[in-house]
Amino acid sequence: MVRRLTVSEADSDYVDFWPTGSRAKGEFRCADCGYGAIVTAALPRCPMCGCESWEEAGWSPFRRAVAAQAESRSAR
């Protein structure tokens, strides 16, 4: 089944990609492998896969708590 999206729904899924060498500050994820990096200067080439595109990671004050909770559930 195919679901049609409105323009505003489609635009909400848009992700900005940052190329290697861009001046940036914050947490980023490799667009290919998902490797995470905290950057305070220029974005490097991904050390895991060599990709040159990055996505800014969404910030959440609860991210660590959610990850810890998921980890404790999987350990059971």
Foldseek 3Di string as FASTA:
>chain_A
DDDDDDPVVVVVPDFDKDFFQDFDAAWKAAPPPGDIDGDHGTHHQDPPPRHGIITHDDDDPCVVVVVVVVVVVVVD
